[in-house]
């Protein structure tokens, strides 16, 4: 059985979209079948349209499909990326997760490897609590948390976060950042392959 990885992101201004895209390329190179998907936008359209950067990101990614329950059923592994908001994931991602009660109650999310990434405005903006709060959800699913840990030297070079890659919003993606994201994506693919 091949690894079918759903990479689901939410991105207001583009940081998590870039992270998800980097992860998708690495996962494909590792042999996974990948669906790059976005969580549906829940903010009012006039709010999005009222902020140029937000509107531009929405227009730039209009062709990326929105994640569905069917995508969750299809995948045998997940990589989730969403910005932190007050120490937890952005409400748009939480709203998507809250639509998964039906598949969860049937055990459809259990026994699947799951990893998460995030971003915030600054290095102490709640990244770790965001990732830990997401992993609490994964535990309710019966999913298998696949954090990067300290399994590659690049983790130390990009801030030392063992829970999942985290990026300071607005900063460029260095080669080390791309390597760390790629490592995390390949790790999920590797574990999913072993379980398959």
N, C-alpha and C. Protein backbone atom coordinates (compact mmCIF):
# COMPACT_ATOMS: atom_id res chain seq x y z
N UNK A 1 0.85 -1.19 0.00
CA UNK A 1 0.00 0.00 0.00
C UNK A 1 0.88 1.24 0.00
N UNK A 2 0.59 2.15 -0.90
CA UNK A 2 1.38 3.38 -0.95
C UNK A 2 0.89 4.37 0.10
N UNK A 3 1.77 5.30 0.43
CA UNK A 3 1.42 6.34 1.40
C UNK A 3 0.60 7.40 0.69
N UNK A 4 -0.56 7.69 1.24
CA UNK A 4 -1.44 8.75 0.74
C UNK A 4 -1.49 9.82 1.82
N UNK A 5 -0.83 10.93 1.54
CA UNK A 5 -0.66 11.99 2.53
C UNK A 5 -1.51 13.20 2.18
N UNK A 6 -2.38 13.58 3.10
CA UNK A 6 -3.14 14.82 2.97
C UNK A 6 -2.38 15.90 3.74
N UNK A 7 -1.94 16.92 3.03
CA UNK A 7 -1.31 18.08 3.66
C UNK A 7 -2.36 19.18 3.67
N UNK A 8 -2.83 19.50 4.85
CA UNK A 8 -3.93 20.45 5.00
C UNK A 8 -3.39 21.68 5.74
N UNK A 9 -3.61 22.84 5.16
CA UNK A 9 -3.09 24.06 5.77
C UNK A 9 -4.19 25.11 5.82
N UNK A 10 -3.98 26.07 6.70
CA UNK A 10 -4.71 27.33 6.65
C UNK A 10 -3.65 28.43 6.66
N UNK A 11 -3.83 29.45 5.83
CA UNK A 11 -2.84 30.52 5.72
C UNK A 11 -3.53 31.83 5.42
N UNK A 12 -3.39 32.79 6.31
CA UNK A 12 -3.97 34.11 6.08
C UNK A 12 -3.14 34.90 5.09
N UNK A 13 -1.83 34.96 5.31
CA UNK A 13 -0.96 35.80 4.50
C UNK A 13 0.07 35.03 3.69
N UNK A 14 0.11 33.71 3.81
CA UNK A 14 0.98 32.92 2.94
C UNK A 14 2.03 32.08 3.60
N UNK A 15 2.34 32.31 4.87
CA UNK A 15 3.42 31.56 5.51
C UNK A 15 3.12 30.07 5.55
N UNK A 16 1.96 29.68 6.04
CA UNK A 16 1.64 28.26 6.15
C UNK A 16 1.38 27.62 4.80
N UNK A 17 0.94 28.39 3.84
CA UNK A 17 0.81 27.89 2.47
C UNK A 17 2.19 27.52 1.93
N UNK A 18 3.19 28.39 2.15
CA UNK A 18 4.55 28.08 1.72
C UNK A 18 5.09 26.84 2.43
N UNK A 19 4.85 26.75 3.73
CA UNK A 19 5.31 25.58 4.48
C UNK A 19 4.69 24.30 3.93
N UNK A 20 3.40 24.34 3.67
CA UNK A 20 2.69 23.17 3.15
C UNK A 20 3.21 22.80 1.76
N UNK A 21 3.50 23.79 0.95
CA UNK A 21 4.01 23.52 -0.40
C UNK A 21 5.40 22.89 -0.37
N UNK A 22 6.25 23.38 0.52
CA UNK A 22 7.59 22.79 0.69
C UNK A 22 7.45 21.34 1.15
N UNK A 23 6.56 21.10 2.10
CA UNK A 23 6.33 19.74 2.61
C UNK A 23 5.79 18.83 1.52
N UNK A 24 4.91 19.36 0.68
CA UNK A 24 4.32 18.55 -0.39
C UNK A 24 5.38 18.08 -1.36
N UNK A 25 6.30 18.96 -1.73
CA UNK A 25 7.37 18.58 -2.66
C UNK A 25 8.26 17.51 -2.05
N UNK A 26 8.60 17.65 -0.76
CA UNK A 26 9.45 16.67 -0.09
C UNK A 26 8.75 15.31 0.02
N UNK A 27 7.46 15.34 0.33
CA UNK A 27 6.70 14.09 0.47
C UNK A 27 6.57 13.38 -0.87
N UNK A 28 6.33 14.14 -1.94
CA UNK A 28 6.26 13.54 -3.27
C UNK A 28 7.60 12.91 -3.65
N UNK A 29 8.69 13.62 -3.35
CA UNK A 29 10.02 13.10 -3.66
C UNK A 29 10.31 11.83 -2.86
N UNK A 30 9.67 11.69 -1.70
CA UNK A 30 9.84 10.49 -0.87
C UNK A 30 8.91 9.35 -1.30
N UNK A 31 8.12 9.59 -2.36
CA UNK A 31 7.28 8.53 -2.91
C UNK A 31 5.83 8.54 -2.52
N UNK A 32 5.40 9.55 -1.77
CA UNK A 32 4.00 9.60 -1.34
C UNK A 32 3.11 10.20 -2.42
N UNK A 33 1.87 9.75 -2.41
CA UNK A 33 0.82 10.41 -3.19
C UNK A 33 0.29 11.52 -2.30
N UNK A 34 0.31 12.74 -2.78
CA UNK A 34 0.03 13.90 -1.92
C UNK A 34 -1.17 14.69 -2.44
N UNK A 35 -2.02 15.09 -1.52
CA UNK A 35 -3.06 16.07 -1.81
C UNK A 35 -2.76 17.31 -0.97
N UNK A 36 -2.51 18.42 -1.63
CA UNK A 36 -2.31 19.70 -0.95
C UNK A 36 -3.67 20.38 -0.88
N UNK A 37 -4.14 20.63 0.33
CA UNK A 37 -5.50 21.11 0.55
C UNK A 37 -5.49 22.25 1.55
N UNK A 38 -6.51 23.10 1.46
CA UNK A 38 -6.61 24.19 2.43
C UNK A 38 -7.90 24.05 3.25
N UNK A 39 -7.81 24.51 4.47
CA UNK A 39 -9.01 24.58 5.31
C UNK A 39 -9.88 25.71 4.79
N UNK A 40 -11.19 25.52 4.80
CA UNK A 40 -12.09 26.58 4.31
C UNK A 40 -11.95 27.87 5.11
N UNK A 41 -12.08 28.98 4.43
CA UNK A 41 -12.06 30.29 5.09
C UNK A 41 -13.39 30.52 5.78
N UNK A 42 -13.34 30.93 7.03
CA UNK A 42 -14.56 31.19 7.79
C UNK A 42 -14.76 32.68 8.07
N UNK A 43 -13.74 33.49 7.81
CA UNK A 43 -13.87 34.93 8.03
C UNK A 43 -14.82 35.51 6.98
N UNK A 44 -15.58 36.52 7.34
CA UNK A 44 -16.48 37.15 6.38
C UNK A 44 -15.71 37.68 5.17
N UNK A 45 -16.32 37.55 3.99
CA UNK A 45 -15.65 37.96 2.75
C UNK A 45 -15.25 39.43 2.77
N UNK A 46 -16.05 40.28 3.38
CA UNK A 46 -15.70 41.70 3.40
C UNK A 46 -14.48 41.97 4.29
N UNK A 47 -14.28 41.13 5.31
CA UNK A 47 -13.09 41.27 6.16
C UNK A 47 -11.85 40.88 5.36
N UNK A 48 -11.91 39.74 4.66
CA UNK A 48 -10.80 39.30 3.82
C UNK A 48 -10.50 40.34 2.75
N UNK A 49 -11.54 40.82 2.07
CA UNK A 49 -11.36 41.80 0.99
C UNK A 49 -10.82 43.13 1.51
N UNK A 50 -11.04 43.41 2.78
CA UNK A 50 -10.61 44.67 3.36
C UNK A 50 -9.14 44.74 3.74
N UNK A 51 -8.42 43.62 3.64
CA UNK A 51 -6.99 43.59 3.93
C UNK A 51 -6.26 43.11 2.69
N UNK A 52 -5.48 43.97 2.10
CA UNK A 52 -4.85 43.66 0.81
C UNK A 52 -4.06 42.36 0.81
N UNK A 53 -3.24 42.13 1.83
CA UNK A 53 -2.40 40.92 1.86
C UNK A 53 -3.25 39.66 2.00
N UNK A 54 -4.28 39.74 2.80
CA UNK A 54 -5.19 38.59 3.01
C UNK A 54 -5.92 38.28 1.71
N UNK A 55 -6.44 39.34 1.07
CA UNK A 55 -7.15 39.19 -0.19
C UNK A 55 -6.24 38.61 -1.27
N UNK A 56 -5.00 39.09 -1.32
CA UNK A 56 -4.06 38.60 -2.33
C UNK A 56 -3.75 37.12 -2.13
N UNK A 57 -3.60 36.70 -0.88
CA UNK A 57 -3.33 35.29 -0.60
C UNK A 57 -4.54 34.43 -0.99
N UNK A 58 -5.73 34.89 -0.69
CA UNK A 58 -6.95 34.15 -1.05
C UNK A 58 -7.04 33.99 -2.57
N UNK A 59 -6.73 35.06 -3.29
CA UNK A 59 -6.78 34.99 -4.76
C UNK A 59 -5.68 34.09 -5.31
N UNK A 60 -4.50 34.16 -4.73
CA UNK A 60 -3.36 33.36 -5.18
C UNK A 60 -3.63 31.86 -5.06
N UNK A 61 -4.37 31.48 -4.04
CA UNK A 61 -4.59 30.05 -3.76
C UNK A 61 -6.02 29.60 -4.07
N UNK A 62 -6.71 30.37 -4.88
CA UNK A 62 -8.12 30.05 -5.18
C UNK A 62 -8.27 28.68 -5.85
N UNK A 63 -7.23 28.22 -6.54
CA UNK A 63 -7.31 26.95 -7.25
C UNK A 63 -6.99 25.74 -6.38
N UNK A 64 -6.50 25.97 -5.16
CA UNK A 64 -6.19 24.85 -4.26
C UNK A 64 -7.49 24.36 -3.65
N UNK A 65 -7.76 23.05 -3.75
CA UNK A 65 -9.03 22.53 -3.23
C UNK A 65 -9.13 22.67 -1.71
N UNK A 66 -10.36 22.82 -1.25
CA UNK A 66 -10.61 22.81 0.18
C UNK A 66 -10.66 21.38 0.68
N UNK A 67 -10.11 21.17 1.86
CA UNK A 67 -10.12 19.84 2.47
C UNK A 67 -11.55 19.41 2.78
N UNK A 68 -11.80 18.12 2.61
CA UNK A 68 -13.12 17.55 2.89
C UNK A 68 -12.96 16.29 3.72
N UNK A 69 -14.08 15.82 4.22
CA UNK A 69 -14.09 14.54 4.94
C UNK A 69 -13.61 13.42 4.02
N UNK A 70 -13.95 13.50 2.74
CA UNK A 70 -13.52 12.48 1.79
C UNK A 70 -12.00 12.44 1.68
N UNK A 71 -11.35 13.60 1.75
CA UNK A 71 -9.89 13.63 1.73
C UNK A 71 -9.32 12.95 2.97
N UNK A 72 -9.97 13.14 4.09
CA UNK A 72 -9.51 12.52 5.33
C UNK A 72 -9.67 11.01 5.26
N UNK A 73 -10.74 10.55 4.62
CA UNK A 73 -10.94 9.11 4.44
C UNK A 73 -9.90 8.54 3.48
N UNK A 74 -9.58 9.28 2.43
CA UNK A 74 -8.63 8.82 1.42
C UNK A 74 -7.23 8.64 1.99
N UNK A 75 -6.80 9.58 2.81
CA UNK A 75 -5.41 9.61 3.28
C UNK A 75 -5.16 8.55 4.35
N UNK A 76 -3.91 8.06 4.35
CA UNK A 76 -3.51 7.22 5.48
C UNK A 76 -2.45 7.91 6.34
N UNK A 77 -2.26 9.23 6.10
CA UNK A 77 -1.40 10.06 6.94
C UNK A 77 -1.76 11.52 6.70
N UNK A 78 -1.49 12.35 7.71
CA UNK A 78 -1.83 13.77 7.62
C UNK A 78 -0.66 14.63 8.09
N UNK A 79 -0.49 15.76 7.41
CA UNK A 79 0.41 16.81 7.87
C UNK A 79 -0.40 18.10 7.85
N UNK A 80 -0.55 18.70 9.02
CA UNK A 80 -1.40 19.87 9.20
C UNK A 80 -0.51 21.09 9.48
N UNK A 81 -0.85 22.23 8.86
CA UNK A 81 -0.09 23.46 9.11
C UNK A 81 -1.06 24.62 9.26
N UNK A 82 -0.98 25.30 10.38
CA UNK A 82 -1.87 26.44 10.64
C UNK A 82 -1.18 27.43 11.56
N UNK A 83 -1.45 28.71 11.39
CA UNK A 83 -0.85 29.70 12.27
C UNK A 83 -1.42 29.62 13.68
N UNK A 84 -0.65 30.14 14.60
CA UNK A 84 -1.12 30.20 15.98
C UNK A 84 -1.92 31.49 16.20
N UNK A 85 -2.97 31.36 16.94
CA UNK A 85 -3.78 32.51 17.36
C UNK A 85 -3.98 32.39 18.87
N UNK A 86 -3.32 33.25 19.61
CA UNK A 86 -3.44 33.25 21.07
C UNK A 86 -3.08 31.89 21.66
N UNK A 87 -2.06 31.24 21.09
CA UNK A 87 -1.55 30.00 21.65
C UNK A 87 -2.24 28.73 21.20
N UNK A 88 -3.20 28.85 20.30
CA UNK A 88 -3.86 27.67 19.71
C UNK A 88 -3.98 27.89 18.21
N UNK A 89 -4.35 26.84 17.48
CA UNK A 89 -4.43 26.97 16.03
C UNK A 89 -5.51 27.97 15.61
N UNK A 90 -5.31 28.55 14.45
CA UNK A 90 -6.28 29.50 13.90
C UNK A 90 -7.67 28.88 13.84
N UNK A 91 -8.67 29.67 14.05
CA UNK A 91 -10.05 29.17 14.14
C UNK A 91 -10.51 28.50 12.86
N UNK A 92 -9.98 28.90 11.73
CA UNK A 92 -10.38 28.28 10.46
C UNK A 92 -10.01 26.80 10.44
N UNK A 93 -8.81 26.46 10.94
CA UNK A 93 -8.41 25.05 11.00
C UNK A 93 -9.24 24.32 12.04
N UNK A 94 -9.48 24.98 13.16
CA UNK A 94 -10.29 24.34 14.22
C UNK A 94 -11.70 24.07 13.70
N UNK A 95 -12.24 25.00 12.92
CA UNK A 95 -13.59 24.82 12.37
C UNK A 95 -13.62 23.62 11.44
N UNK A 96 -12.57 23.45 10.61
CA UNK A 96 -12.52 22.27 9.75
C UNK A 96 -12.46 21.00 10.59
N UNK A 97 -11.60 20.98 11.58
CA UNK A 97 -11.48 19.79 12.44
C UNK A 97 -12.81 19.47 13.10
N UNK A 98 -13.56 20.51 13.45
CA UNK A 98 -14.85 20.29 14.10
C UNK A 98 -15.90 19.70 13.17
N UNK A 99 -15.62 19.62 11.88
CA UNK A 99 -16.55 18.97 10.94
C UNK A 99 -16.29 17.47 10.83
N UNK A 100 -15.28 16.98 11.53
CA UNK A 100 -14.84 15.59 11.35
C UNK A 100 -15.46 14.62 12.36
N UNK A 101 -16.47 15.06 13.08
CA UNK A 101 -17.08 14.19 14.10
C UNK A 101 -17.59 12.87 13.55
N UNK A 102 -18.18 12.90 12.36
CA UNK A 102 -18.73 11.67 11.79
C UNK A 102 -17.67 10.64 11.48
N UNK A 103 -16.59 11.06 10.81
CA UNK A 103 -15.52 10.12 10.48
C UNK A 103 -14.78 9.69 11.75
N UNK A 104 -14.60 10.61 12.69
CA UNK A 104 -13.95 10.26 13.96
C UNK A 104 -14.76 9.20 14.70
N UNK A 105 -16.08 9.37 14.77
CA UNK A 105 -16.90 8.43 15.55
C UNK A 105 -16.91 7.03 14.96
N UNK A 106 -16.56 6.92 13.67
CA UNK A 106 -16.47 5.60 13.02
C UNK A 106 -15.05 5.03 13.09
N UNK A 107 -14.14 5.76 13.73
CA UNK A 107 -12.76 5.30 13.82
C UNK A 107 -11.94 5.61 12.59
N UNK A 108 -12.45 6.46 11.71
CA UNK A 108 -11.79 6.73 10.45
C UNK A 108 -10.52 7.57 10.53
N UNK A 109 -10.25 8.14 11.69
CA UNK A 109 -9.03 8.92 11.86
C UNK A 109 -8.01 8.20 12.74
N UNK A 110 -8.38 7.04 13.24
CA UNK A 110 -7.52 6.29 14.16
C UNK A 110 -6.38 5.60 13.41
N UNK A 111 -5.30 5.41 14.13
CA UNK A 111 -4.15 4.62 13.65
C UNK A 111 -3.44 5.23 12.46
N UNK A 112 -3.66 6.51 12.21
CA UNK A 112 -2.99 7.18 11.10
C UNK A 112 -1.95 8.15 11.66
N UNK A 113 -0.75 8.19 11.06
CA UNK A 113 0.28 9.13 11.50
C UNK A 113 -0.12 10.57 11.19
N UNK A 114 0.12 11.44 12.16
CA UNK A 114 -0.23 12.85 12.02
C UNK A 114 0.91 13.71 12.55
N UNK A 115 1.26 14.74 11.80
CA UNK A 115 2.27 15.69 12.24
C UNK A 115 1.74 17.09 11.99
N UNK A 116 2.30 18.07 12.69
CA UNK A 116 1.78 19.43 12.58
C UNK A 116 2.91 20.46 12.54
N UNK A 117 2.63 21.57 11.87
CA UNK A 117 3.53 22.71 11.79
C UNK A 117 2.72 23.98 12.08
N UNK A 118 3.44 25.04 12.41
CA UNK A 118 2.74 26.28 12.73
C UNK A 118 3.64 27.49 12.48
N UNK A 119 3.07 28.65 12.66
CA UNK A 119 3.83 29.91 12.58
C UNK A 119 3.21 30.91 13.54
N UNK A 120 4.00 31.91 13.86
CA UNK A 120 3.51 33.03 14.68
C UNK A 120 4.33 34.26 14.34
N UNK A 121 3.90 35.38 14.84
CA UNK A 121 4.58 36.64 14.53
C UNK A 121 6.00 36.67 15.08
N UNK A 122 6.23 36.00 16.21
CA UNK A 122 7.57 36.01 16.80
C UNK A 122 7.89 34.65 17.41
N UNK A 123 9.11 34.48 17.82
CA UNK A 123 9.59 33.17 18.27
C UNK A 123 8.89 32.67 19.53
N UNK A 124 8.30 33.55 20.30
CA UNK A 124 7.61 33.13 21.52
C UNK A 124 6.13 33.48 21.45
N UNK A 125 5.57 33.31 20.26
CA UNK A 125 4.19 33.70 20.03
C UNK A 125 3.17 32.59 20.19
N UNK A 126 3.58 31.48 20.80
CA UNK A 126 2.62 30.41 21.08
C UNK A 126 2.75 29.19 20.19
N UNK A 127 3.86 29.07 19.45
CA UNK A 127 4.00 27.93 18.54
C UNK A 127 3.89 26.58 19.25
N UNK A 128 4.62 26.43 20.34
CA UNK A 128 4.63 25.12 21.01
C UNK A 128 3.26 24.78 21.58
N UNK A 129 2.58 25.74 22.18
CA UNK A 129 1.25 25.42 22.72
C UNK A 129 0.27 25.11 21.60
N UNK A 130 0.44 25.77 20.45
CA UNK A 130 -0.42 25.47 19.30
C UNK A 130 -0.25 24.03 18.87
N UNK A 131 1.00 23.59 18.72
CA UNK A 131 1.27 22.22 18.30
C UNK A 131 0.77 21.22 19.34
N UNK A 132 1.02 21.50 20.60
CA UNK A 132 0.58 20.57 21.66
C UNK A 132 -0.95 20.49 21.71
N UNK A 133 -1.62 21.62 21.50
CA UNK A 133 -3.10 21.57 21.53
C UNK A 133 -3.62 20.78 20.34
N UNK A 134 -2.95 20.87 19.20
CA UNK A 134 -3.37 20.07 18.07
C UNK A 134 -3.14 18.59 18.34
N UNK A 135 -2.00 18.25 18.92
CA UNK A 135 -1.72 16.85 19.21
C UNK A 135 -2.70 16.27 20.24
N UNK A 136 -3.23 17.11 21.10
CA UNK A 136 -4.28 16.62 22.01
C UNK A 136 -5.49 16.16 21.20
N UNK A 137 -5.82 16.88 20.14
CA UNK A 137 -6.91 16.47 19.26
C UNK A 137 -6.57 15.13 18.59
N UNK A 138 -5.34 14.99 18.12
CA UNK A 138 -4.91 13.74 17.48
C UNK A 138 -5.07 12.56 18.44
N UNK A 139 -4.77 12.78 19.71
CA UNK A 139 -4.94 11.72 20.70
C UNK A 139 -6.40 11.31 20.83
N UNK A 140 -7.30 12.27 20.76
CA UNK A 140 -8.73 11.95 20.78
C UNK A 140 -9.12 11.13 19.56
N UNK A 141 -8.49 11.41 18.43
CA UNK A 141 -8.76 10.63 17.22
C UNK A 141 -8.26 9.19 17.33
N UNK A 142 -7.27 8.97 18.19
CA UNK A 142 -6.58 7.69 18.18
C UNK A 142 -5.50 7.67 17.12
N UNK A 143 -5.10 8.86 16.67
CA UNK A 143 -4.04 8.97 15.68
C UNK A 143 -2.67 8.77 16.33
N UNK A 144 -1.65 8.71 15.51
CA UNK A 144 -0.29 8.48 15.96
C UNK A 144 0.51 9.75 15.71
N UNK A 145 0.90 10.41 16.79
CA UNK A 145 1.64 11.66 16.68
C UNK A 145 3.04 11.36 16.14
N UNK A 146 3.40 12.03 15.07
CA UNK A 146 4.74 11.89 14.48
C UNK A 146 5.39 13.27 14.49
N UNK A 147 5.98 13.61 15.62
CA UNK A 147 6.70 14.87 15.73
C UNK A 147 8.11 14.65 15.20
N UNK A 148 8.78 15.72 14.75
CA UNK A 148 10.14 15.54 14.27
C UNK A 148 11.13 15.19 15.37
N UNK A 149 10.81 15.57 16.61
CA UNK A 149 11.76 15.33 17.69
C UNK A 149 13.10 15.94 17.34
N UNK A 150 14.15 15.33 17.85
CA UNK A 150 15.51 15.75 17.49
C UNK A 150 16.14 14.68 16.63
N UNK A 151 15.47 14.34 15.53
CA UNK A 151 15.91 13.25 14.67
C UNK A 151 16.80 13.72 13.53
N UNK A 152 17.10 15.01 13.49
CA UNK A 152 18.00 15.55 12.47
C UNK A 152 18.64 16.81 13.03
N UNK A 153 19.90 17.04 12.69
CA UNK A 153 20.62 18.22 13.18
C UNK A 153 19.94 19.52 12.79
N UNK A 154 19.19 19.52 11.70
CA UNK A 154 18.56 20.75 11.24
C UNK A 154 17.54 21.28 12.25
N UNK A 155 17.01 20.41 13.08
CA UNK A 155 16.05 20.85 14.10
C UNK A 155 16.71 21.88 15.02
N UNK A 156 17.95 21.62 15.40
CA UNK A 156 18.67 22.57 16.27
C UNK A 156 18.94 23.89 15.53
N UNK A 157 19.20 23.80 14.24
CA UNK A 157 19.56 24.99 13.47
C UNK A 157 18.36 25.89 13.16
N UNK A 158 17.15 25.36 13.34
CA UNK A 158 15.95 26.15 13.03
C UNK A 158 15.12 26.45 14.28
N UNK A 159 15.76 26.48 15.44
CA UNK A 159 15.06 26.88 16.65
C UNK A 159 14.87 25.78 17.67
N UNK A 160 15.11 24.54 17.30
CA UNK A 160 15.07 23.46 18.27
C UNK A 160 13.70 23.05 18.74
N UNK A 161 12.67 23.20 17.91
CA UNK A 161 11.32 22.81 18.31
C UNK A 161 11.08 21.34 17.95
N UNK A 162 11.02 20.44 18.94
CA UNK A 162 10.84 19.02 18.64
C UNK A 162 9.40 18.64 18.34
N UNK A 163 8.45 19.56 18.53
CA UNK A 163 7.03 19.24 18.37
C UNK A 163 6.58 19.34 16.91
N UNK A 164 7.26 20.18 16.15
CA UNK A 164 6.91 20.40 14.76
C UNK A 164 7.56 21.68 14.30
N UNK A 165 7.78 21.78 13.00
CA UNK A 165 8.42 22.99 12.50
C UNK A 165 7.55 24.20 12.81
N UNK A 166 8.20 25.30 13.21
CA UNK A 166 7.48 26.55 13.42
C UNK A 166 8.30 27.68 12.80
N UNK A 167 7.59 28.62 12.20
CA UNK A 167 8.23 29.69 11.44
C UNK A 167 7.75 31.04 11.94
N UNK A 168 8.65 31.99 11.93
CA UNK A 168 8.26 33.36 12.26
C UNK A 168 7.64 34.00 11.03
N UNK A 169 6.39 34.34 11.11
CA UNK A 169 5.66 34.89 9.97
C UNK A 169 6.38 36.12 9.43
N UNK A 170 6.42 36.20 8.11
CA UNK A 170 7.04 37.34 7.45
C UNK A 170 8.51 37.16 7.14
N UNK A 171 9.14 36.16 7.75
CA UNK A 171 10.55 35.90 7.47
C UNK A 171 10.69 34.99 6.25
N UNK A 172 11.78 35.16 5.53
CA UNK A 172 12.06 34.30 4.38
C UNK A 172 12.34 32.88 4.85
N UNK A 173 12.19 31.94 3.94
CA UNK A 173 12.48 30.54 4.23
C UNK A 173 13.91 30.25 3.82
N UNK A 174 14.77 30.07 4.79
CA UNK A 174 16.17 29.73 4.53
C UNK A 174 16.26 28.30 4.03
N UNK A 175 17.42 27.94 3.53
CA UNK A 175 17.63 26.55 3.12
C UNK A 175 17.45 25.60 4.31
N UNK A 176 17.90 26.04 5.49
CA UNK A 176 17.73 25.20 6.67
C UNK A 176 16.25 25.03 7.02
N UNK A 177 15.46 26.09 6.89
CA UNK A 177 14.02 25.99 7.15
C UNK A 177 13.38 24.99 6.19
N UNK A 178 13.73 25.10 4.92
CA UNK A 178 13.18 24.17 3.93
C UNK A 178 13.60 22.73 4.23
N UNK A 179 14.84 22.56 4.67
CA UNK A 179 15.33 21.23 5.02
C UNK A 179 14.56 20.67 6.21
N UNK A 180 14.30 21.51 7.22
CA UNK A 180 13.56 21.05 8.40
C UNK A 180 12.12 20.65 8.04
N UNK A 181 11.49 21.45 7.20
CA UNK A 181 10.13 21.11 6.76
C UNK A 181 10.15 19.81 5.96
N UNK A 182 11.10 19.70 5.06
CA UNK A 182 11.22 18.48 4.27
C UNK A 182 11.48 17.26 5.12
N UNK A 183 12.33 17.42 6.14
CA UNK A 183 12.60 16.31 7.05
C UNK A 183 11.33 15.85 7.75
N UNK A 184 10.53 16.79 8.23
CA UNK A 184 9.30 16.45 8.93
C UNK A 184 8.33 15.73 7.99
N UNK A 185 8.22 16.21 6.75
CA UNK A 185 7.33 15.56 5.78
C UNK A 185 7.79 14.15 5.46
N UNK A 186 9.09 13.99 5.24
CA UNK A 186 9.62 12.65 4.95
C UNK A 186 9.44 11.71 6.13
N UNK A 187 9.54 12.25 7.33
CA UNK A 187 9.36 11.42 8.53
C UNK A 187 7.94 10.87 8.61
N UNK A 188 6.96 11.70 8.30
CA UNK A 188 5.56 11.24 8.29
C UNK A 188 5.39 10.16 7.23
N UNK A 189 5.96 10.38 6.04
CA UNK A 189 5.86 9.40 4.97
C UNK A 189 6.51 8.08 5.38
N UNK A 190 7.68 8.18 6.00
CA UNK A 190 8.39 6.98 6.43
C UNK A 190 7.57 6.16 7.44
N UNK A 191 7.04 6.85 8.45
CA UNK A 191 6.25 6.14 9.47
C UNK A 191 4.97 5.58 8.87
N UNK A 192 4.33 6.34 8.01
CA UNK A 192 3.11 5.84 7.36
C UNK A 192 3.42 4.61 6.52
N UNK A 193 4.56 4.63 5.84
CA UNK A 193 4.95 3.47 5.04
C UNK A 193 5.18 2.24 5.88
N UNK A 194 5.77 2.41 7.05
CA UNK A 194 5.98 1.27 7.95
C UNK A 194 4.65 0.71 8.45
N UNK A 195 3.72 1.59 8.74
CA UNK A 195 2.41 1.15 9.23
C UNK A 195 1.58 0.50 8.15
N UNK A 196 1.76 0.96 6.92
CA UNK A 196 1.00 0.40 5.80
C UNK A 196 1.46 -1.02 5.49
